C-alpha atoms as a PDB file:
ATOM      1  CA  MET A   1     135.320 308.860  62.704  1.00  0.00           C
ATOM      2  CA  ALA A   2     135.916 306.497  59.755  1.00  0.00           C
ATOM      3  CA  ALA A   3     134.492 302.983  59.587  1.00  0.00           C
ATOM      4  CA  PRO A   4     136.993 300.297  60.583  1.00  0.00           C
ATOM      5  CA  THR A   5     138.671 298.476  57.704  1.00  0.00           C
ATOM      6  CA  PRO A   6     138.174 294.690  57.747  1.00  0.00           C
ATOM      7  CA  THR A   7     141.471 292.911  58.277  1.00  0.00           C
ATOM      8  CA  GLY A   8     140.599 289.272  57.785  1.00  0.00           C
ATOM      9  CA  GLY A   9     137.972 286.839  56.699  1.00  0.00           C
ATOM     10  CA  ALA A  10     137.171 284.849  53.633  1.00  0.00           C
ATOM     11  CA  SER A  11     137.258 286.091  50.099  1.00  0.00           C
ATOM     12  CA  THR A  12     134.215 285.924  47.858  1.00  0.00           C
ATOM     13  CA  SER A  13     135.838 282.977  46.097  1.00  0.00           C
ATOM     14  CA  ASP A  14     136.211 281.113  49.415  1.00  0.00           C
ATOM     15  CA  VAL A  15     132.558 281.686  50.296  1.00  0.00           C
ATOM     16  CA  LEU A  16     131.375 280.539  46.860  1.00  0.00           C
ATOM     17  CA  THR A  17     133.542 277.398  47.090  1.00  0.00           C
ATOM     18  CA  ALA A  18     132.080 276.596  50.518  1.00  0.00           C
ATOM     19  CA  ILE A  19     128.525 277.010  49.182  1.00  0.00           C
ATOM     20  CA  LYS A  20     129.336 274.800  46.187  1.00  0.00           C
ATOM     21  CA  ASN A  21     130.696 272.091  48.523  1.00  0.00           C
ATOM     22  CA  ILE A  22     127.528 272.205  50.653  1.00  0.00           C
ATOM     23  CA  VAL A  23     125.287 271.885  47.584  1.00  0.00           C
ATOM     24  CA  THR A  24     127.366 268.968  46.263  1.00  0.00           C
ATOM     25  CA  ALA A  25     127.184 267.180  49.629  1.00  0.00           C
ATOM     26  CA  LEU A  26     123.394 267.646  49.806  1.00  0.00           C
ATOM     27  CA  ALA A  27     122.942 266.316  46.263  1.00  0.00           C
ATOM     28  CA  THR A  28     125.075 263.258  47.076  1.00  0.00           C
ATOM     29  CA  ALA A  29     123.123 262.595  50.279  1.00  0.00           C
ATOM     30  CA  ALA A  30     119.807 262.845  48.405  1.00  0.00           C
ATOM     31  CA  GLN A  31     120.984 260.433  45.698  1.00  0.00           C
ATOM     32  CA  ASN A  32     122.264 257.940  48.290  1.00  0.00           C
ATOM     33  CA  TYR A  33     118.909 258.096  50.100  1.00  0.00           C
ATOM     34  CA  LEU A  34     117.008 257.409  46.881  1.00  0.00           C
ATOM     35  CA  ASN A  35     119.316 254.519  45.976  1.00  0.00           C
ATOM     36  CA  VAL A  36     118.567 252.827  49.297  1.00  0.00           C
ATOM     37  CA  GLN A  37     114.814 253.554  49.156  1.00  0.00           C
ATOM     38  CA  GLY A  38     114.452 252.529  45.513  1.00  0.00           C
ATOM     39  CA  LEU A  39     114.391 254.707  42.427  1.00  0.00           C
ATOM     40  CA  ILE A  40     112.193 252.423  40.310  1.00  0.00           C
ATOM     41  CA  ASN A  41     109.145 250.237  40.967  1.00  0.00           C
ATOM     42  CA  ALA A  42     108.061 247.082  39.168  1.00  0.00           C
ATOM     43  CA  ALA A  43     104.383 246.566  39.974  1.00  0.00           C
ATOM     44  CA  ASN A  44     101.914 243.671  39.838  1.00  0.00           C
ATOM     45  CA  ILE A  45     104.396 240.849  39.258  1.00  0.00           C
ATOM     46  CA  SER A  46     102.514 237.545  39.191  1.00  0.00           C
ATOM     47  CA  THR A  47     104.820 235.375  37.051  1.00  0.00           C
ATOM     48  CA  PRO A  48     108.613 234.932  37.031  1.00  0.00           C
ATOM     49  CA  THR A  49     109.915 238.291  35.821  1.00  0.00           C
ATOM     50  CA  LEU A  50     113.374 239.512  34.925  1.00  0.00           C
ATOM     51  CA  VAL A  51     113.094 243.043  36.289  1.00  0.00           C
ATOM     52  CA  SER A  52     116.665 244.210  35.593  1.00  0.00           C
ATOM     53  CA  THR A  53     119.790 242.820  33.949  1.00  0.00           C
ATOM     54  CA  LYS A  54     122.147 245.257  35.686  1.00  0.00           C
ATOM     55  CA  ALA A  55     123.887 245.380  39.030  1.00  0.00           C
ATOM     56  CA  GLY A  56     121.966 247.436  41.561  1.00  0.00           C
ATOM     57  CA  ARG A  57     119.970 247.074  44.760  1.00  0.00           C
ATOM     58  CA  ILE A  58     116.643 245.464  45.643  1.00  0.00           C
ATOM     59  CA  CYS A  59     115.141 247.792  48.220  1.00  0.00           C
ATOM     60  CA  SER A  60     111.736 246.469  49.213  1.00  0.00           C
ATOM     61  CA  VAL A  61     108.946 244.087  48.259  1.00  0.00           C
ATOM     62  CA  SER A  62     105.212 244.345  48.885  1.00  0.00           C
ATOM     63  CA  VAL A  63     102.895 241.356  48.718  1.00  0.00           C
ATOM     64  CA  LEU A  64      99.718 242.610  47.043  1.00  0.00           C
ATOM     65  CA  THR A  65      97.963 239.239  46.830  1.00  0.00           C
ATOM     66  CA  ALA A  66      98.701 236.346  49.171  1.00  0.00           C
ATOM     67  CA  GLY A  67      99.851 233.069  47.669  1.00  0.00           C
ATOM     68  CA  SER A  68      99.919 229.425  48.617  1.00  0.00           C
ATOM     69  CA  ALA A  69     103.717 229.215  48.414  1.00  0.00           C
ATOM     70  CA  THR A  70     106.613 231.544  49.166  1.00  0.00           C
ATOM     71  CA  GLY A  71     108.261 233.398  46.320  1.00  0.00           C
ATOM     72  CA  LEU A  72     111.935 234.175  45.821  1.00  0.00           C
ATOM     73  CA  ILE A  73     114.072 237.063  44.662  1.00  0.00           C
ATOM     74  CA  TYR A  74     117.291 236.097  42.905  1.00  0.00           C
ATOM     75  CA  ASP A  75     120.468 237.902  41.929  1.00  0.00           C
ATOM     76  CA  GLY A  76     120.382 236.872  38.280  1.00  0.00           C
ATOM     77  CA  ALA A  77     120.163 238.238  34.749  1.00  0.00           C
ATOM     78  CA  LEU A  78     118.203 235.369  33.135  1.00  0.00           C
ATOM     79  CA  LEU A  79     114.837 233.758  33.871  1.00  0.00           C
ATOM     80  CA  THR A  80     116.757 230.532  34.523  1.00  0.00           C
ATOM     81  CA  ALA A  81     119.294 232.162  36.893  1.00  0.00           C
ATOM     82  CA  THR A  82     117.929 230.683  40.118  1.00  0.00           C
ATOM     83  CA  THR A  83     121.211 229.721  41.804  1.00  0.00           C
ATOM     84  CA  LYS A  84     121.645 232.930  43.835  1.00  0.00           C
ATOM     85  CA  PRO A  85     118.534 233.461  45.979  1.00  0.00           C
ATOM     86  CA  ILE A  86     118.707 236.578  48.148  1.00  0.00           C
ATOM     87  CA  TYR A  87     115.225 236.912  49.651  1.00  0.00           C
ATOM     88  CA  VAL A  88     112.214 234.727  50.393  1.00  0.00           C
ATOM     89  CA  ILE A  89     108.926 236.511  49.687  1.00  0.00           C
ATOM     90  CA  PRO A  90     106.405 235.729  52.471  1.00  0.00           C
ATOM     91  CA  THR A  91     103.189 233.976  51.452  1.00  0.00           C
ATOM     92  CA  SER A  92     100.773 236.453  52.983  1.00  0.00           C
ATOM     93  CA  VAL A  93     100.079 240.144  52.944  1.00  0.00           C
ATOM     94  CA  GLY A  94     101.649 241.520  56.091  1.00  0.00           C
ATOM     95  CA  THR A  95     103.480 244.493  57.450  1.00  0.00           C
ATOM     96  CA  GLU A  96     104.269 246.273  54.232  1.00  0.00           C
ATOM     97  CA  PRO A  97     106.618 246.861  52.609  1.00  0.00           C
ATOM     98  CA  TYR A  98     109.192 244.253  53.502  1.00  0.00           C
ATOM     99  CA  VAL A  99     112.612 245.917  53.520  1.00  0.00           C
ATOM    100  CA  VAL A 100     115.164 243.821  51.638  1.00  0.00           C
ATOM    101  CA  ASN A 101     117.991 246.338  50.976  1.00  0.00           C
ATOM    102  CA  MET A 102     120.402 243.882  49.332  1.00  0.00           C
ATOM    103  CA  PRO A 103     122.946 244.586  46.588  1.00  0.00           C
ATOM    104  CA  LEU A 104     122.615 242.817  43.240  1.00  0.00           C
ATOM    105  CA  SER A 105     125.681 241.839  41.221  1.00  0.00           C
ATOM    106  CA  PHE A 106     124.015 240.442  38.097  1.00  0.00           C
ATOM    107  CA  GLY A 107     120.372 241.530  37.886  1.00  0.00           C
ATOM    108  CA  LEU A 108     116.977 241.257  39.533  1.00  0.00           C
ATOM    109  CA  LEU A 109     114.817 238.185  39.008  1.00  0.00           C
ATOM    110  CA  VAL A 110     111.501 238.047  40.891  1.00  0.00           C
ATOM    111  CA  VAL A 111     109.678 234.711  41.104  1.00  0.00           C
ATOM    112  CA  PRO A 112     106.399 235.061  43.019  1.00  0.00           C
ATOM    113  CA  GLY A 113     104.941 232.045  44.776  1.00  0.00           C
ATOM    114  CA  SER A 114     101.846 230.302  43.463  1.00  0.00           C
ATOM    115  CA  GLY A 115      99.008 232.831  43.412  1.00  0.00           C
ATOM    116  CA  GLN A 116     101.147 235.733  44.633  1.00  0.00           C
ATOM    117  CA  VAL A 117     101.184 239.236  43.188  1.00  0.00           C
ATOM    118  CA  VAL A 118     104.080 241.422  44.351  1.00  0.00           C
ATOM    119  CA  THR A 119     105.625 244.818  43.724  1.00  0.00           C
ATOM    120  CA  VAL A 120     109.333 245.570  44.181  1.00  0.00           C
ATOM    121  CA  SER A 121     111.326 248.765  44.408  1.00  0.00           C
ATOM    122  CA  TYR A 122     114.919 248.779  43.259  1.00  0.00           C
ATOM    123  CA  SER A 123     117.786 250.982  42.163  1.00  0.00           C
END
């Protein structure tokens, strides 16, 4: 008795296209995850620092050294761009890291409070 001849199913091209679509979707999901978690870190910020001059996302902030005043994170591309505050940095070391997860239109300006040392992650 002869083996039955397949009468339907996907072609090799269809299967390869499906695999390509799965790989593309996984790569997109991984990139989106990293964008929200932060791709880049700026560590040991103790003075007003212009971290980025591009649109992006501030993901989290860690207070490494407590300060006597709160700090601020601004959406700005200059050291003097303090008109768009987006996050108040707590004065003390606490539950770390603090999740900010805010979009930035202009840039990332970090101004620690007096005596504070902070680290931020951003994309």
